Amino acid sequence: MKNDKYIIKFLDSFYEDIEPIIDYIVIKLKNPDGAINLVTKIDLAITKRADFPLAFEAMESSRKRIKPYYRIYVGNYTVYYTVFKNIMEVRRILYKKRDIRSL
């Protein structure tokens, strides 16, 4: 079976989400190594998922979507992405206890 890795595209919303997460870990928790470790784990999880991003169950949604959302769990955070053709579009990263329905 041929495996063409998907192109990973990060939306601005992902960067807008991750910046305060990193700031909180570095500034509030005074743990820059923890922030580096988290970013490394997130990067690795996304890169690994890009091999087969559609091999996982799509997220259920009350809204009708053209492209379903998929999730990657990394520690206390959830990465949300969609897939279109050969692009894995990483859209958000949120604290797992956050109410995503309000977003």
C-alpha atoms as a PDB file:
ATOM      1  CA  MET A   1       0.000   0.000   0.000  1.00  0.00           C
ATOM      2  CA  LYS A   2       1.427   3.364  -1.034  1.00  0.00           C
ATOM      3  CA  ASN A   3       1.727   6.019   1.650  1.00  0.00           C
ATOM      4  CA  ASP A   4       1.994   9.626   0.514  1.00  0.00           C
ATOM      5  CA  LYS A   5       2.426  11.791   3.567  1.00  0.00           C
ATOM      6  CA  TYR A   6      -0.050  14.630   3.794  1.00  0.00           C
ATOM      7  CA  ILE A   7       1.064  18.253   3.725  1.00  0.00           C
ATOM      8  CA  ILE A   8       0.607  19.818   7.148  1.00  0.00           C
ATOM      9  CA  LYS A   9      -0.822  23.323   7.168  1.00  0.00           C
ATOM     10  CA  PHE A  10      -1.229  25.284  10.403  1.00  0.00           C
ATOM     11  CA  LEU A  11      -3.933  27.936  10.582  1.00  0.00           C
ATOM     12  CA  ASP A  12      -3.386  31.198  12.446  1.00  0.00           C
ATOM     13  CA  SER A  13      -5.965  30.043  15.001  1.00  0.00           C
ATOM     14  CA  PHE A  14      -3.610  27.218  16.025  1.00  0.00           C
ATOM     15  CA  TYR A  15      -0.811  29.699  16.687  1.00  0.00           C
ATOM     16  CA  GLU A  16      -3.220  31.996  18.524  1.00  0.00           C
ATOM     17  CA  ASP A  17      -4.165  29.054  20.765  1.00  0.00           C
ATOM     18  CA  ILE A  18      -0.674  27.743  21.449  1.00  0.00           C
ATOM     19  CA  GLU A  19       0.999  31.055  22.237  1.00  0.00           C
ATOM     20  CA  PRO A  20      -0.828  31.644  25.555  1.00  0.00           C
ATOM     21  CA  ILE A  21      -0.326  27.969  26.465  1.00  0.00           C
ATOM     22  CA  ILE A  22       3.426  28.347  26.061  1.00  0.00           C
ATOM     23  CA  ASP A  23       3.417  31.713  27.843  1.00  0.00           C
ATOM     24  CA  TYR A  24       1.532  30.205  30.779  1.00  0.00           C
ATOM     25  CA  ILE A  25       4.003  27.337  31.127  1.00  0.00           C
ATOM     26  CA  VAL A  26       7.086  29.549  30.750  1.00  0.00           C
ATOM     27  CA  ILE A  27       5.983  32.645  32.684  1.00  0.00           C
ATOM     28  CA  LYS A  28       3.383  31.520  35.213  1.00  0.00           C
ATOM     29  CA  LEU A  29       4.762  28.042  35.926  1.00  0.00           C
ATOM     30  CA  LYS A  30       8.389  29.129  35.351  1.00  0.00           C
ATOM     31  CA  ASN A  31       9.052  25.951  33.402  1.00  0.00           C
ATOM     32  CA  PRO A  32      10.606  26.711  29.988  1.00  0.00           C
ATOM     33  CA  ASP A  33      11.785  23.099  29.652  1.00  0.00           C
ATOM     34  CA  GLY A  34       8.191  21.955  30.154  1.00  0.00           C
ATOM     35  CA  ALA A  35       7.049  24.263  27.348  1.00  0.00           C
ATOM     36  CA  ILE A  36       9.749  22.929  25.022  1.00  0.00           C
ATOM     37  CA  ASN A  37       8.776  19.349  25.880  1.00  0.00           C
ATOM     38  CA  LEU A  38       5.095  20.059  25.214  1.00  0.00           C
ATOM     39  CA  VAL A  39       5.798  21.696  21.848  1.00  0.00           C
ATOM     40  CA  THR A  40       8.036  18.755  20.910  1.00  0.00           C
ATOM     41  CA  LYS A  41       5.302  16.253  21.825  1.00  0.00           C
ATOM     42  CA  ILE A  42       2.676  18.222  19.880  1.00  0.00           C
ATOM     43  CA  ASP A  43       4.929  18.454  16.826  1.00  0.00           C
ATOM     44  CA  LEU A  44       5.713  14.740  16.936  1.00  0.00           C
ATOM     45  CA  ALA A  45       2.049  13.767  17.356  1.00  0.00           C
ATOM     46  CA  ILE A  46       0.962  15.924  14.412  1.00  0.00           C
ATOM     47  CA  THR A  47       3.810  14.714  12.203  1.00  0.00           C
ATOM     48  CA  LYS A  48       3.029  11.065  12.972  1.00  0.00           C
ATOM     49  CA  ARG A  49      -0.675  11.591  12.318  1.00  0.00           C
ATOM     50  CA  ALA A  50       0.121  13.100   8.900  1.00  0.00           C
ATOM     51  CA  ASP A  51       1.019   9.589   7.696  1.00  0.00           C
ATOM     52  CA  PHE A  52      -2.620   8.467   7.937  1.00  0.00           C
ATOM     53  CA  PRO A  53      -4.830  11.345   9.127  1.00  0.00           C
ATOM     54  CA  LEU A  54      -8.074   9.716   7.958  1.00  0.00           C
ATOM     55  CA  ALA A  55      -7.415   6.428   9.739  1.00  0.00           C
ATOM     56  CA  PHE A  56      -9.016   7.777  12.906  1.00  0.00           C
ATOM     57  CA  GLU A  57     -12.628   8.373  13.832  1.00  0.00           C
ATOM     58  CA  ALA A  58     -14.022  11.758  12.858  1.00  0.00           C
ATOM     59  CA  MET A  59     -15.333  13.905  15.674  1.00  0.00           C
ATOM     60  CA  GLU A  60     -19.106  14.006  16.084  1.00  0.00           C
ATOM     61  CA  SER A  61     -20.588  17.442  15.649  1.00  0.00           C
ATOM     62  CA  SER A  62     -24.016  18.934  16.023  1.00  0.00           C
ATOM     63  CA  ARG A  63     -23.220  21.237  13.103  1.00  0.00           C
ATOM     64  CA  LYS A  64     -23.134  20.035   9.531  1.00  0.00           C
ATOM     65  CA  ARG A  65     -19.563  20.411   8.282  1.00  0.00           C
ATOM     66  CA  ILE A  66     -18.094  20.133   4.822  1.00  0.00           C
ATOM     67  CA  LYS A  67     -14.886  18.706   6.297  1.00  0.00           C
ATOM     68  CA  PRO A  68     -15.157  16.724   9.531  1.00  0.00           C
ATOM     69  CA  TYR A  69     -12.845  17.457  12.425  1.00  0.00           C
ATOM     70  CA  TYR A  70     -10.403  14.931  13.820  1.00  0.00           C
ATOM     71  CA  ARG A  71      -8.572  15.015  17.159  1.00  0.00           C
ATOM     72  CA  ILE A  72      -5.119  14.280  18.474  1.00  0.00           C
ATOM     73  CA  TYR A  73      -4.702  14.052  22.229  1.00  0.00           C
ATOM     74  CA  VAL A  74      -1.396  15.318  23.623  1.00  0.00           C
ATOM     75  CA  GLY A  75      -1.221  15.411  27.400  1.00  0.00           C
ATOM     76  CA  ASN A  76      -3.843  17.875  28.653  1.00  0.00           C
ATOM     77  CA  TYR A  77      -4.456  19.305  25.190  1.00  0.00           C
ATOM     78  CA  THR A  78      -6.424  18.361  22.110  1.00  0.00           C
ATOM     79  CA  VAL A  79      -5.315  19.269  18.598  1.00  0.00           C
ATOM     80  CA  TYR A  80      -8.132  19.649  16.054  1.00  0.00           C
ATOM     81  CA  TYR A  81      -7.588  19.180  12.339  1.00  0.00           C
ATOM     82  CA  THR A  82      -9.408  18.609   9.067  1.00  0.00           C
ATOM     83  CA  VAL A  83      -8.313  16.898   5.863  1.00  0.00           C
ATOM     84  CA  PHE A  84      -8.912  18.029   2.315  1.00  0.00           C
ATOM     85  CA  LYS A  85      -7.239  16.260  -0.599  1.00  0.00           C
ATOM     86  CA  ASN A  86      -3.592  15.891   0.484  1.00  0.00           C
ATOM     87  CA  ILE A  87      -3.627  18.634   3.148  1.00  0.00           C
ATOM     88  CA  MET A  88      -3.938  18.036   6.862  1.00  0.00           C
ATOM     89  CA  GLU A  89      -5.099  21.415   8.156  1.00  0.00           C
ATOM     90  CA  VAL A  90      -4.301  21.880  11.846  1.00  0.00           C
ATOM     91  CA  ARG A  91      -6.845  24.358  13.129  1.00  0.00           C
ATOM     92  CA  ARG A  92      -6.872  24.540  16.932  1.00  0.00           C
ATOM     93  CA  ILE A  93      -5.220  23.328  20.106  1.00  0.00           C
ATOM     94  CA  LEU A  94      -7.270  23.593  23.263  1.00  0.00           C
ATOM     95  CA  TYR A  95      -7.021  22.570  26.892  1.00  0.00           C
ATOM     96  CA  LYS A  96      -8.939  19.296  27.105  1.00  0.00           C
ATOM     97  CA  LYS A  97     -11.311  20.475  29.831  1.00  0.00           C
ATOM     98  CA  ARG A  98     -12.391  23.524  27.855  1.00  0.00           C
ATOM     99  CA  ASP A  99     -15.959  23.554  26.541  1.00  0.00           C
ATOM    100  CA  ILE A 100     -15.366  23.456  22.776  1.00  0.00           C
ATOM    101  CA  ARG A 101     -19.066  23.887  22.002  1.00  0.00           C
ATOM    102  CA  SER A 102     -18.774  27.484  23.144  1.00  0.00           C
ATOM    103  CA  LEU A 103     -16.166  28.226  20.468  1.00  0.00           C
END
